[in-house]
């Protein structure tokens, strides 16, 4: 009986140690360009970038977006969904995987030639 309770105590310790949550940190830079490689901007309009993942969700209007990711997780790699909207129209949707303590840069060229303003 004593060995059984010692075994349970050891199992409880190992289980609690494995549930310790660490902070996932990474830097992500996204540069959004049109097909010609020019900055995607029209008047005051800028693309809307949405970055969503496990425990993380943010949206920004920007051409050159910098994100400092800080997510509490046990994983050393996280998957994020990236959506870019131009004037309310989704022009890019994709997924990316980022490693902990990494720095990632993306340069995305999007085709916005079919997006039209209707007054």
PDB file of N, CA and C in Angstrom:
ATOM      1  N   UNK A   1       0.821  -1.193   0.000  1.00  0.00           N
ATOM      2  CA  UNK A   1       0.000   0.000   0.000  1.00  0.00           C
ATOM      3  C   UNK A   1       0.866   1.258   0.000  1.00  0.00           C
ATOM      4  N   UNK A   2       1.962   1.214   0.732  1.00  0.00           N
ATOM      5  CA  UNK A   2       2.854   2.361   0.794  1.00  0.00           C
ATOM      6  C   UNK A   2       3.471   2.629  -0.585  1.00  0.00           C
ATOM      7  N   UNK A   3       3.839   1.562  -1.297  1.00  0.00           N
ATOM      8  CA  UNK A   3       4.417   1.726  -2.630  1.00  0.00           C
ATOM      9  C   UNK A   3       3.379   2.323  -3.590  1.00  0.00           C
ATOM     10  N   UNK A   4       2.137   1.923  -3.418  1.00  0.00           N
ATOM     11  CA  UNK A   4       1.068   2.423  -4.272  1.00  0.00           C
ATOM     12  C   UNK A   4       0.886   3.933  -4.077  1.00  0.00           C
ATOM     13  N   UNK A   5       0.858   4.397  -2.831  1.00  0.00           N
ATOM     14  CA  UNK A   5       0.684   5.830  -2.579  1.00  0.00           C
ATOM     15  C   UNK A   5       1.914   6.622  -3.021  1.00  0.00           C
ATOM     16  N   UNK A   6       3.113   6.035  -2.895  1.00  0.00           N
ATOM     17  CA  UNK A   6       4.322   6.692  -3.374  1.00  0.00           C
ATOM     18  C   UNK A   6       4.281   6.818  -4.898  1.00  0.00           C
ATOM     19  N   UNK A   7       3.804   5.775  -5.550  1.00  0.00           N
ATOM     20  CA  UNK A   7       3.688   5.781  -7.009  1.00  0.00           C
ATOM     21  C   UNK A   7       2.672   6.843  -7.458  1.00  0.00           C
ATOM     22  N   UNK A   8       1.553   6.955  -6.747  1.00  0.00           N
ATOM     23  CA  UNK A   8       0.554   7.975  -7.076  1.00  0.00           C
ATOM     24  C   UNK A   8       1.105   9.383  -6.867  1.00  0.00           C
ATOM     25  N   UNK A   9       1.860   9.580  -5.800  1.00  0.00           N
ATOM     26  CA  UNK A   9       2.455  10.891  -5.540  1.00  0.00           C
ATOM     27  C   UNK A   9       3.452  11.252  -6.636  1.00  0.00           C
ATOM     28  N   UNK A  10       4.249  10.284  -7.058  1.00  0.00           N
ATOM     29  CA  UNK A  10       5.216  10.514  -8.129  1.00  0.00           C
ATOM     30  C   UNK A  10       4.499  10.824  -9.446  1.00  0.00           C
ATOM     31  N   UNK A  11       3.437  10.098  -9.732  1.00  0.00           N
ATOM     32  CA  UNK A  11       2.659  10.332 -10.943  1.00  0.00           C
ATOM     33  C   UNK A  11       2.034  11.730 -10.924  1.00  0.00           C
ATOM     34  N   UNK A  12       1.516  12.149  -9.779  1.00  0.00           N
ATOM     35  CA  UNK A  12       0.927  13.479  -9.653  1.00  0.00           C
ATOM     36  C   UNK A  12       1.982  14.557  -9.868  1.00  0.00           C
ATOM     37  N   UNK A  13       3.193  14.347  -9.365  1.00  0.00           N
ATOM     38  CA  UNK A  13       4.275  15.312  -9.544  1.00  0.00           C
ATOM     39  C   UNK A  13       4.675  15.420 -11.011  1.00  0.00           C
ATOM     40  N   UNK A  14       4.830  14.285 -11.672  1.00  0.00           N
ATOM     41  CA  UNK A  14       5.220  14.276 -13.083  1.00  0.00           C
ATOM     42  C   UNK A  14       4.139  14.934 -13.933  1.00  0.00           C
ATOM     43  N   UNK A  15       2.880  14.652 -13.639  1.00  0.00           N
ATOM     44  CA  UNK A  15       1.771  15.241 -14.389  1.00  0.00           C
ATOM     45  C   UNK A  15       1.732  16.753 -14.204  1.00  0.00           C
ATOM     46  N   UNK A  16       1.894  17.222 -12.976  1.00  0.00           N
ATOM     47  CA  UNK A  16       1.853  18.663 -12.742  1.00  0.00           C
ATOM     48  C   UNK A  16       3.049  19.357 -13.372  1.00  0.00           C
ATOM     49  N   UNK A  17       4.200  18.701 -13.413  1.00  0.00           N
ATOM     50  CA  UNK A  17       5.383  19.300 -14.034  1.00  0.00           C
ATOM     51  C   UNK A  17       5.200  19.425 -15.541  1.00  0.00           C
ATOM     52  N   UNK A  18       4.501  18.485 -16.153  1.00  0.00           N
ATOM     53  CA  UNK A  18       4.321  18.539 -17.606  1.00  0.00           C
ATOM     54  C   UNK A  18       3.255  19.556 -18.014  1.00  0.00           C
ATOM     55  N   UNK A  19       2.446  20.031 -17.083  1.00  0.00           N
ATOM     56  CA  UNK A  19       1.403  20.995 -17.400  1.00  0.00           C
ATOM     57  C   UNK A  19       1.857  22.440 -17.220  1.00  0.00           C
ATOM     58  N   UNK A  20       3.131  22.649 -16.916  1.00  0.00           N
ATOM     59  CA  UNK A  20       3.645  23.998 -16.770  1.00  0.00           C
ATOM     60  C   UNK A  20       3.587  24.685 -18.135  1.00  0.00           C
ATOM     61  N   UNK A  21       2.975  25.838 -18.166  1.00  0.00           N
ATOM     62  CA  UNK A  21       2.800  26.556 -19.424  1.00  0.00           C
ATOM     63  C   UNK A  21       3.945  27.548 -19.594  1.00  0.00           C
ATOM     64  N   UNK A  22       4.564  27.517 -20.751  1.00  0.00           N
ATOM     65  CA  UNK A  22       5.638  28.448 -21.073  1.00  0.00           C
ATOM     66  C   UNK A  22       5.102  29.540 -21.994  1.00  0.00           C
ATOM     67  N   UNK A  23       5.863  30.584 -22.149  1.00  0.00           N
ATOM     68  CA  UNK A  23       5.461  31.666 -23.045  1.00  0.00           C
ATOM     69  C   UNK A  23       6.179  31.502 -24.379  1.00  0.00           C
ATOM     70  N   UNK A  24       5.392  31.397 -25.433  1.00  0.00           N
ATOM     71  CA  UNK A  24       5.890  31.323 -26.804  1.00  0.00           C
ATOM     72  C   UNK A  24       6.127  32.756 -27.258  1.00  0.00           C
ATOM     73  N   UNK A  25       7.339  33.062 -27.684  1.00  0.00           N
ATOM     74  CA  UNK A  25       7.647  34.405 -28.165  1.00  0.00           C
ATOM     75  C   UNK A  25       8.258  34.324 -29.558  1.00  0.00           C
ATOM     76  N   UNK A  26       7.835  35.208 -30.419  1.00  0.00           N
ATOM     77  CA  UNK A  26       8.383  35.276 -31.775  1.00  0.00           C
ATOM     78  C   UNK A  26       8.066  36.648 -32.356  1.00  0.00           C
ATOM     79  N   UNK A  27       8.795  37.008 -33.381  1.00  0.00           N
ATOM     80  CA  UNK A  27       8.553  38.256 -34.102  1.00  0.00           C
ATOM     81  C   UNK A  27       8.147  37.928 -35.527  1.00  0.00           C
ATOM     82  N   UNK A  28       7.137  38.629 -36.006  1.00  0.00           N
ATOM     83  CA  UNK A  28       6.643  38.438 -37.364  1.00  0.00           C
ATOM     84  C   UNK A  28       6.515  39.798 -38.038  1.00  0.00           C
ATOM     85  N   UNK A  29       7.069  39.897 -39.239  1.00  0.00           N
ATOM     86  CA  UNK A  29       6.939  41.101 -40.054  1.00  0.00           C
ATOM     87  C   UNK A  29       6.240  40.715 -41.349  1.00  0.00           C
ATOM     88  N   UNK A  30       5.176  41.441 -41.687  1.00  0.00           N
ATOM     89  CA  UNK A  30       4.433  41.188 -42.924  1.00  0.00           C
ATOM     90  C   UNK A  30       4.426  42.477 -43.741  1.00  0.00           C
ATOM     91  N   UNK A  31       4.919  42.377 -44.973  1.00  0.00           N
ATOM     92  CA  UNK A  31       4.914  43.509 -45.897  1.00  0.00           C
ATOM     93  C   UNK A  31       3.941  43.164 -47.022  1.00  0.00           C
ATOM     94  N   UNK A  32       2.949  44.032 -47.241  1.00  0.00           N
ATOM     95  CA  UNK A  32       1.905  43.774 -48.229  1.00  0.00           C
ATOM     96  C   UNK A  32       2.106  44.710 -49.418  1.00  0.00           C
ATOM     97  N   UNK A  33       2.242  44.110 -50.598  1.00  0.00           N
ATOM     98  CA  UNK A  33       2.467  44.861 -51.835  1.00  0.00           C
ATOM     99  C   UNK A  33       1.424  44.471 -52.871  1.00  0.00           C
ATOM    100  N   UNK A  34       1.242  45.330 -53.884  1.00  0.00           N
ATOM    101  CA  UNK A  34       0.384  44.927 -54.994  1.00  0.00           C
ATOM    102  C   UNK A  34       1.213  44.089 -55.967  1.00  0.00           C
ATOM    103  N   UNK A  35       0.604  43.649 -57.045  1.00  0.00           N
ATOM    104  CA  UNK A  35       1.294  42.755 -57.995  1.00  0.00           C
ATOM    105  C   UNK A  35       2.542  43.376 -58.611  1.00  0.00           C
ATOM    106  N   UNK A  36       2.569  44.703 -58.718  1.00  0.00           N
ATOM    107  CA  UNK A  36       3.721  45.389 -59.303  1.00  0.00           C
ATOM    108  C   UNK A  36       4.856  45.577 -58.300  1.00  0.00           C
ATOM    109  N   UNK A  37       4.614  45.231 -57.049  1.00  0.00           N
ATOM    110  CA  UNK A  37       5.633  45.413 -56.019  1.00  0.00           C
ATOM    111  C   UNK A  37       5.566  46.769 -55.346  1.00  0.00           C
ATOM    112  N   UNK A  38       4.506  47.534 -55.620  1.00  0.00           N
ATOM    113  CA  UNK A  38       4.322  48.847 -54.993  1.00  0.00           C
ATOM    114  C   UNK A  38       3.559  48.688 -53.683  1.00  0.00           C
ATOM    115  N   UNK A  39       3.738  49.674 -52.819  1.00  0.00           N
ATOM    116  CA  UNK A  39       3.017  49.673 -51.552  1.00  0.00           C
ATOM    117  C   UNK A  39       1.519  49.732 -51.825  1.00  0.00           C
ATOM    118  N   UNK A  40       0.766  48.882 -51.178  1.00  0.00           N
ATOM    119  CA  UNK A  40      -0.682  48.812 -51.386  1.00  0.00           C
ATOM    120  C   UNK A  40      -1.357  49.883 -50.532  1.00  0.00           C
ATOM    121  N   UNK A  41      -1.705  50.985 -51.189  1.00  0.00           N
ATOM    122  CA  UNK A  41      -2.348  52.098 -50.497  1.00  0.00           C
ATOM    123  C   UNK A  41      -3.146  52.898 -51.530  1.00  0.00           C
ATOM    124  N   UNK A  42      -4.296  53.406 -51.123  1.00  0.00           N
ATOM    125  CA  UNK A  42      -5.119  54.232 -52.000  1.00  0.00           C
ATOM    126  C   UNK A  42      -5.797  55.272 -51.124  1.00  0.00           C
ATOM    127  N   UNK A  43      -5.368  56.522 -51.237  1.00  0.00           N
ATOM    128  CA  UNK A  43      -5.901  57.562 -50.367  1.00  0.00           C
ATOM    129  C   UNK A  43      -5.599  57.223 -48.918  1.00  0.00           C
ATOM    130  N   UNK A  44      -6.635  57.137 -48.118  1.00  0.00           N
ATOM    131  CA  UNK A  44      -6.473  56.756 -46.713  1.00  0.00           C
ATOM    132  C   UNK A  44      -6.653  55.258 -46.487  1.00  0.00           C
ATOM    133  N   UNK A  45      -6.920  54.512 -47.553  1.00  0.00           N
ATOM    134  CA  UNK A  45      -7.146  53.071 -47.417  1.00  0.00           C
ATOM    135  C   UNK A  45      -5.823  52.324 -47.279  1.00  0.00           C
ATOM    136  N   UNK A  46      -5.784  51.425 -46.330  1.00  0.00           N
ATOM    137  CA  UNK A  46      -4.662  50.500 -46.153  1.00  0.00           C
ATOM    138  C   UNK A  46      -5.253  49.104 -46.015  1.00  0.00           C
ATOM    139  N   UNK A  47      -4.487  48.075 -46.342  1.00  0.00           N
ATOM    140  CA  UNK A  47      -5.011  46.716 -46.180  1.00  0.00           C
ATOM    141  C   UNK A  47      -5.246  46.381 -44.710  1.00  0.00           C
ATOM    142  N   UNK A  48      -6.249  45.550 -44.469  1.00  0.00           N
ATOM    143  CA  UNK A  48      -6.542  45.053 -43.124  1.00  0.00           C
ATOM    144  C   UNK A  48      -5.950  43.661 -43.008  1.00  0.00           C
ATOM    145  N   UNK A  49      -5.043  43.479 -42.070  1.00  0.00           N
ATOM    146  CA  UNK A  49      -4.387  42.195 -41.856  1.00  0.00           C
ATOM    147  C   UNK A  49      -4.926  41.581 -40.570  1.00  0.00           C
ATOM    148  N   UNK A  50      -5.398  40.343 -40.652  1.00  0.00           N
ATOM    149  CA  UNK A  50      -5.871  39.606 -39.474  1.00  0.00           C
ATOM    150  C   UNK A  50      -4.954  38.418 -39.255  1.00  0.00           C
ATOM    151  N   UNK A  51      -4.441  38.293 -38.040  1.00  0.00           N
ATOM    152  CA  UNK A  51      -3.581  37.186 -37.653  1.00  0.00           C
ATOM    153  C   UNK A  51      -4.266  36.465 -36.501  1.00  0.00           C
ATOM    154  N   UNK A  52      -4.594  35.184 -36.723  1.00  0.00           N
ATOM    155  CA  UNK A  52      -5.316  34.411 -35.715  1.00  0.00           C
ATOM    156  C   UNK A  52      -4.640  33.069 -35.513  1.00  0.00           C
ATOM    157  N   UNK A  53      -4.538  32.680 -34.256  1.00  0.00           N
ATOM    158  CA  UNK A  53      -3.964  31.386 -33.918  1.00  0.00           C
ATOM    159  C   UNK A  53      -4.417  30.979 -32.537  1.00  0.00           C
ATOM    160  N   UNK A  54      -3.884  29.891 -32.058  1.00  0.00           N
ATOM    161  CA  UNK A  54      -4.239  29.373 -30.747  1.00  0.00           C
ATOM    162  C   UNK A  54      -3.835  30.374 -29.665  1.00  0.00           C
ATOM    163  N   UNK A  55      -4.804  31.023 -29.070  1.00  0.00           N
ATOM    164  CA  UNK A  55      -4.533  31.979 -28.004  1.00  0.00           C
ATOM    165  C   UNK A  55      -4.105  33.351 -28.494  1.00  0.00           C
ATOM    166  N   UNK A  56      -4.260  33.639 -29.787  1.00  0.00           N
ATOM    167  CA  UNK A  56      -3.801  34.921 -30.325  1.00  0.00           C
ATOM    168  C   UNK A  56      -4.728  35.363 -31.447  1.00  0.00           C
ATOM    169  N   UNK A  57      -5.144  36.617 -31.407  1.00  0.00           N
ATOM    170  CA  UNK A  57      -5.972  37.166 -32.476  1.00  0.00           C
ATOM    171  C   UNK A  57      -5.796  38.681 -32.488  1.00  0.00           C
ATOM    172  N   UNK A  58      -5.449  39.206 -33.665  1.00  0.00           N
ATOM    173  CA  UNK A  58      -5.266  40.650 -33.784  1.00  0.00           C
ATOM    174  C   UNK A  58      -5.568  41.068 -35.218  1.00  0.00           C
ATOM    175  N   UNK A  59      -6.052  42.293 -35.382  1.00  0.00           N
ATOM    176  CA  UNK A  59      -6.306  42.859 -36.710  1.00  0.00           C
ATOM    177  C   UNK A  59      -5.716  44.262 -36.741  1.00  0.00           C
ATOM    178  N   UNK A  60      -5.035  44.570 -37.849  1.00  0.00           N
ATOM    179  CA  UNK A  60      -4.423  45.894 -38.011  1.00  0.00           C
ATOM    180  C   UNK A  60      -4.561  46.363 -39.450  1.00  0.00           C
ATOM    181  N   UNK A  61      -4.703  47.678 -39.619  1.00  0.00           N
ATOM    182  CA  UNK A  61      -4.637  48.281 -40.947  1.00  0.00           C
ATOM    183  C   UNK A  61      -3.214  48.769 -41.145  1.00  0.00           C
ATOM    184  N   UNK A  62      -2.491  48.121 -42.061  1.00  0.00           N
ATOM    185  CA  UNK A  62      -1.085  48.476 -42.258  1.00  0.00           C
ATOM    186  C   UNK A  62      -0.550  47.870 -43.550  1.00  0.00           C
ATOM    187  N   UNK A  63       0.522  48.453 -44.059  1.00  0.00           N
ATOM    188  CA  UNK A  63       1.240  47.903 -45.210  1.00  0.00           C
ATOM    189  C   UNK A  63       2.470  47.138 -44.747  1.00  0.00           C
ATOM    190  N   UNK A  64       3.037  47.607 -43.663  1.00  0.00           N
ATOM    191  CA  UNK A  64       4.245  47.029 -43.095  1.00  0.00           C
ATOM    192  C   UNK A  64       3.933  46.754 -41.626  1.00  0.00           C
ATOM    193  N   UNK A  65       3.552  45.524 -41.322  1.00  0.00           N
ATOM    194  CA  UNK A  65       3.056  45.168 -39.992  1.00  0.00           C
ATOM    195  C   UNK A  65       4.113  44.387 -39.215  1.00  0.00           C
ATOM    196  N   UNK A  66       4.343  44.799 -37.985  1.00  0.00           N
ATOM    197  CA  UNK A  66       5.247  44.079 -37.089  1.00  0.00           C
ATOM    198  C   UNK A  66       4.444  43.535 -35.918  1.00  0.00           C
ATOM    199  N   UNK A  67       4.646  42.266 -35.623  1.00  0.00           N
ATOM    200  CA  UNK A  67       3.959  41.621 -34.512  1.00  0.00           C
ATOM    201  C   UNK A  67       4.988  41.023 -33.563  1.00  0.00           C
ATOM    202  N   UNK A  68       4.828  41.297 -32.288  1.00  0.00           N
ATOM    203  CA  UNK A  68       5.591  40.608 -31.252  1.00  0.00           C
ATOM    204  C   UNK A  68       4.624  39.616 -30.622  1.00  0.00           C
ATOM    205  N   UNK A  69       4.796  38.353 -30.952  1.00  0.00           N
ATOM    206  CA  UNK A  69       3.871  37.319 -30.498  1.00  0.00           C
ATOM    207  C   UNK A  69       4.275  36.825 -29.120  1.00  0.00           C
ATOM    208  N   UNK A  70       3.344  36.831 -28.192  1.00  0.00           N
ATOM    209  CA  UNK A  70       3.532  36.288 -26.852  1.00  0.00           C
ATOM    210  C   UNK A  70       2.298  35.465 -26.516  1.00  0.00           C
ATOM    211  N   UNK A  71       2.446  34.143 -26.544  1.00  0.00           N
ATOM    212  CA  UNK A  71       1.317  33.243 -26.330  1.00  0.00           C
ATOM    213  C   UNK A  71       1.711  32.216 -25.276  1.00  0.00           C
ATOM    214  N   UNK A  72       0.849  32.000 -24.294  1.00  0.00           N
ATOM    215  CA  UNK A  72       1.106  30.968 -23.289  1.00  0.00           C
ATOM    216  C   UNK A  72       0.714  29.615 -23.852  1.00  0.00           C
ATOM    217  N   UNK A  73       1.705  28.727 -23.964  1.00  0.00           N
ATOM    218  CA  UNK A  73       1.469  27.410 -24.550  1.00  0.00           C
ATOM    219  C   UNK A  73       2.611  26.475 -24.187  1.00  0.00           C
ATOM    220  N   UNK A  74       2.388  25.181 -24.364  1.00  0.00           N
ATOM    221  CA  UNK A  74       3.445  24.188 -24.171  1.00  0.00           C
ATOM    222  C   UNK A  74       4.147  23.866 -25.478  1.00  0.00           C
ATOM    223  N   UNK A  75       3.663  24.377 -26.573  1.00  0.00           N
ATOM    224  CA  UNK A  75       4.175  24.025 -27.893  1.00  0.00           C
ATOM    225  C   UNK A  75       5.381  24.880 -28.276  1.00  0.00           C
ATOM    226  N   UNK A  76       6.289  24.286 -29.040  1.00  0.00           N
ATOM    227  CA  UNK A  76       7.446  25.033 -29.544  1.00  0.00           C
ATOM    228  C   UNK A  76       7.181  25.557 -30.951  1.00  0.00           C
ATOM    229  N   UNK A  77       6.056  25.184 -31.538  1.00  0.00           N
ATOM    230  CA  UNK A  77       5.660  25.630 -32.871  1.00  0.00           C
ATOM    231  C   UNK A  77       4.164  25.938 -32.854  1.00  0.00           C
ATOM    232  N   UNK A  78       3.786  27.066 -33.425  1.00  0.00           N
ATOM    233  CA  UNK A  78       2.370  27.429 -33.496  1.00  0.00           C
ATOM    234  C   UNK A  78       1.970  27.718 -34.935  1.00  0.00           C
ATOM    235  N   UNK A  79       0.714  27.403 -35.244  1.00  0.00           N
ATOM    236  CA  UNK A  79       0.160  27.664 -36.575  1.00  0.00           C
ATOM    237  C   UNK A  79      -0.763  28.875 -36.477  1.00  0.00           C
ATOM    238  N   UNK A  80      -0.626  29.778 -37.440  1.00  0.00           N
ATOM    239  CA  UNK A  80      -1.441  30.979 -37.486  1.00  0.00           C
ATOM    240  C   UNK A  80      -2.138  31.072 -38.835  1.00  0.00           C
ATOM    241  N   UNK A  81      -3.349  31.611 -38.830  1.00  0.00           N
ATOM    242  CA  UNK A  81      -4.077  31.913 -40.062  1.00  0.00           C
ATOM    243  C   UNK A  81      -3.914  33.398 -40.344  1.00  0.00           C
ATOM    244  N   UNK A  82      -3.610  33.712 -41.587  1.00  0.00           N
ATOM    245  CA  UNK A  82      -3.362  35.084 -41.999  1.00  0.00           C
ATOM    246  C   UNK A  82      -4.367  35.451 -43.089  1.00  0.00           C
ATOM    247  N   UNK A  83      -5.106  36.539 -42.874  1.00  0.00           N
ATOM    248  CA  UNK A  83      -6.090  37.015 -43.844  1.00  0.00           C
ATOM    249  C   UNK A  83      -5.815  38.483 -44.139  1.00  0.00           C
ATOM    250  N   UNK A  84      -5.840  38.838 -45.423  1.00  0.00           N
ATOM    251  CA  UNK A  84      -5.667  40.233 -45.818  1.00  0.00           C
ATOM    252  C   UNK A  84      -6.913  40.661 -46.580  1.00  0.00           C
ATOM    253  N   UNK A  85      -7.484  41.785 -46.141  1.00  0.00           N
ATOM    254  CA  UNK A  85      -8.653  42.353 -46.816  1.00  0.00           C
ATOM    255  C   UNK A  85      -8.280  43.717 -47.370  1.00  0.00           C
ATOM    256  N   UNK A  86      -8.758  43.974 -48.574  1.00  0.00           N
ATOM    257  CA  UNK A  86      -8.546  45.265 -49.217  1.00  0.00           C
ATOM    258  C   UNK A  86      -9.911  45.846 -49.530  1.00  0.00           C
ATOM    259  N   UNK A  87     -10.250  46.951 -48.877  1.00  0.00           N
ATOM    260  CA  UNK A  87     -11.542  47.614 -49.042  1.00  0.00           C
ATOM    261  C   UNK A  87     -12.695  46.650 -48.788  1.00  0.00           C
ATOM    262  N   UNK A  88     -12.548  45.811 -47.786  1.00  0.00           N
ATOM    263  CA  UNK A  88     -13.593  44.878 -47.387  1.00  0.00           C
ATOM    264  C   UNK A  88     -13.612  43.560 -48.125  1.00  0.00           C
ATOM    265  N   UNK A  89     -12.726  43.376 -49.105  1.00  0.00           N
ATOM    266  CA  UNK A  89     -12.689  42.149 -49.902  1.00  0.00           C
ATOM    267  C   UNK A  89     -11.462  41.332 -49.505  1.00  0.00           C
ATOM    268  N   UNK A  90     -11.659  40.052 -49.230  1.00  0.00           N
ATOM    269  CA  UNK A  90     -10.530  39.184 -48.895  1.00  0.00           C
ATOM    270  C   UNK A  90      -9.696  38.946 -50.150  1.00  0.00           C
ATOM    271  N   UNK A  91      -8.423  39.361 -50.091  1.00  0.00           N
ATOM    272  CA  UNK A  91      -7.529  39.198 -51.241  1.00  0.00           C
ATOM    273  C   UNK A  91      -6.432  38.168 -50.969  1.00  0.00           C
ATOM    274  N   UNK A  92      -6.296  37.743 -49.720  1.00  0.00           N
ATOM    275  CA  UNK A  92      -5.312  36.707 -49.389  1.00  0.00           C
ATOM    276  C   UNK A  92      -5.772  35.975 -48.137  1.00  0.00           C
ATOM    277  N   UNK A  93      -5.624  34.666 -48.177  1.00  0.00           N
ATOM    278  CA  UNK A  93      -5.886  33.840 -46.996  1.00  0.00           C
ATOM    279  C   UNK A  93      -4.872  32.701 -47.022  1.00  0.00           C
ATOM    280  N   UNK A  94      -4.163  32.533 -45.928  1.00  0.00           N
ATOM    281  CA  UNK A  94      -3.161  31.475 -45.865  1.00  0.00           C
ATOM    282  C   UNK A  94      -2.828  31.133 -44.426  1.00  0.00           C
ATOM    283  N   UNK A  95      -1.981  30.148 -44.271  1.00  0.00           N
ATOM    284  CA  UNK A  95      -1.562  29.705 -42.941  1.00  0.00           C
ATOM    285  C   UNK A  95      -0.044  29.671 -42.893  1.00  0.00           C
ATOM    286  N   UNK A  96       0.490  29.924 -41.717  1.00  0.00           N
ATOM    287  CA  UNK A  96       1.926  29.825 -41.542  1.00  0.00           C
ATOM    288  C   UNK A  96       2.231  29.215 -40.187  1.00  0.00           C
ATOM    289  N   UNK A  97       3.362  28.547 -40.121  1.00  0.00           N
ATOM    290  CA  UNK A  97       3.824  27.924 -38.889  1.00  0.00           C
ATOM    291  C   UNK A  97       5.062  28.672 -38.428  1.00  0.00           C
ATOM    292  N   UNK A  98       5.073  29.047 -37.154  1.00  0.00           N
ATOM    293  CA  UNK A  98       6.177  29.829 -36.605  1.00  0.00           C
ATOM    294  C   UNK A  98       6.771  29.077 -35.422  1.00  0.00           C
ATOM    295  N   UNK A  99       8.099  29.041 -35.365  1.00  0.00           N
ATOM    296  CA  UNK A  99       8.811  28.405 -34.259  1.00  0.00           C
ATOM    297  C   UNK A  99       9.006  29.394 -33.121  1.00  0.00           C
ATOM    298  N   UNK A 100       9.074  28.854 -31.910  1.00  0.00           N
ATOM    299  CA  UNK A 100       9.320  29.664 -30.728  1.00  0.00           C
ATOM    300  C   UNK A 100      10.685  30.344 -30.834  1.00  0.00           C
ATOM    301  N   UNK A 101      10.759  31.564 -30.353  1.00  0.00           N
ATOM    302  CA  UNK A 101      11.994  32.358 -30.333  1.00  0.00           C
ATOM    303  C   UNK A 101      12.566  32.575 -31.730  1.00  0.00           C
ATOM    304  N   UNK A 102      11.688  32.741 -32.713  1.00  0.00           N
ATOM    305  CA  UNK A 102      12.141  32.956 -34.088  1.00  0.00           C
ATOM    306  C   UNK A 102      11.718  34.342 -34.563  1.00  0.00           C
ATOM    307  N   UNK A 103      12.282  34.729 -35.682  1.00  0.00           N
ATOM    308  CA  UNK A 103      11.922  35.971 -36.343  1.00  0.00           C
ATOM    309  C   UNK A 103      11.597  35.631 -37.796  1.00  0.00           C
ATOM    310  N   UNK A 104      10.385  35.954 -38.227  1.00  0.00           N
ATOM    311  CA  UNK A 104       9.922  35.588 -39.561  1.00  0.00           C
ATOM    312  C   UNK A 104       9.493  36.841 -40.314  1.00  0.00           C
ATOM    313  N   UNK A 105       9.883  36.920 -41.587  1.00  0.00           N
ATOM    314  CA  UNK A 105       9.468  38.032 -42.449  1.00  0.00           C
ATOM    315  C   UNK A 105       8.743  37.481 -43.668  1.00  0.00           C
ATOM    316  N   UNK A 106       7.604  38.075 -43.983  1.00  0.00           N
ATOM    317  CA  UNK A 106       6.826  37.696 -45.166  1.00  0.00           C
ATOM    318  C   UNK A 106       6.636  38.920 -46.045  1.00  0.00           C
ATOM    319  N   UNK A 107       6.808  38.729 -47.339  1.00  0.00           N
ATOM    320  CA  UNK A 107       6.481  39.765 -48.304  1.00  0.00           C
ATOM    321  C   UNK A 107       5.405  39.178 -49.207  1.00  0.00           C
ATOM    322  N   UNK A 108       4.202  39.725 -49.111  1.00  0.00           N
ATOM    323  CA  UNK A 108       3.064  39.190 -49.854  1.00  0.00           C
ATOM    324  C   UNK A 108       2.659  40.144 -50.961  1.00  0.00           C
ATOM    325  N   UNK A 109       2.567  39.613 -52.174  1.00  0.00           N
ATOM    326  CA  UNK A 109       2.053  40.384 -53.301  1.00  0.00           C
ATOM    327  C   UNK A 109       0.637  39.899 -53.568  1.00  0.00           C
ATOM    328  N   UNK A 110      -0.304  40.834 -53.530  1.00  0.00           N
ATOM    329  CA  UNK A 110      -1.707  40.472 -53.703  1.00  0.00           C
ATOM    330  C   UNK A 110      -2.267  41.146 -54.948  1.00  0.00           C
ATOM    331  N   UNK A 111      -3.195  40.463 -55.607  1.00  0.00           N
ATOM    332  CA  UNK A 111      -3.842  40.988 -56.806  1.00  0.00           C
ATOM    333  C   UNK A 111      -5.139  41.673 -56.397  1.00  0.00           C
ATOM    334  N   UNK A 112      -5.145  42.981 -56.497  1.00  0.00           N
ATOM    335  CA  UNK A 112      -6.346  43.740 -56.125  1.00  0.00           C
ATOM    336  C   UNK A 112      -6.983  44.399 -57.346  1.00  0.00           C
ATOM    337  N   UNK A 113      -6.597  43.968 -58.537  1.00  0.00           N
ATOM    338  CA  UNK A 113      -7.088  44.614 -59.760  1.00  0.00           C
ATOM    339  C   UNK A 113      -8.591  44.439 -59.959  1.00  0.00           C
ATOM    340  N   UNK A 114      -9.185  43.417 -59.372  1.00  0.00           N
ATOM    341  CA  UNK A 114     -10.626  43.188 -59.550  1.00  0.00           C
ATOM    342  C   UNK A 114     -11.474  43.816 -58.447  1.00  0.00           C
ATOM    343  N   UNK A 115     -10.826  44.412 -57.445  1.00  0.00           N
ATOM    344  CA  UNK A 115     -11.568  45.078 -56.376  1.00  0.00           C
ATOM    345  C   UNK A 115     -11.953  46.462 -56.875  1.00  0.00           C
ATOM    346  N   UNK A 116     -13.245  46.744 -56.891  1.00  0.00           N
ATOM    347  CA  UNK A 116     -13.722  48.022 -57.413  1.00  0.00           C
ATOM    348  C   UNK A 116     -14.595  48.716 -56.368  1.00  0.00           C
ATOM    349  N   UNK A 117     -14.472  50.021 -56.330  1.00  0.00           N
ATOM    350  CA  UNK A 117     -15.332  50.822 -55.465  1.00  0.00           C
ATOM    351  C   UNK A 117     -16.621  51.133 -56.213  1.00  0.00           C
ATOM    352  N   UNK A 118     -17.744  50.862 -55.586  1.00  0.00           N
ATOM    353  CA  UNK A 118     -19.043  51.158 -56.192  1.00  0.00           C
ATOM    354  C   UNK A 118     -19.731  52.194 -55.315  1.00  0.00           C
ATOM    355  N   UNK A 119     -20.034  53.334 -55.902  1.00  0.00           N
ATOM    356  CA  UNK A 119     -20.652  54.413 -55.126  1.00  0.00           C
ATOM    357  C   UNK A 119     -22.149  54.338 -55.210  1.00  0.00           C
TER     358      UNK A 119
END
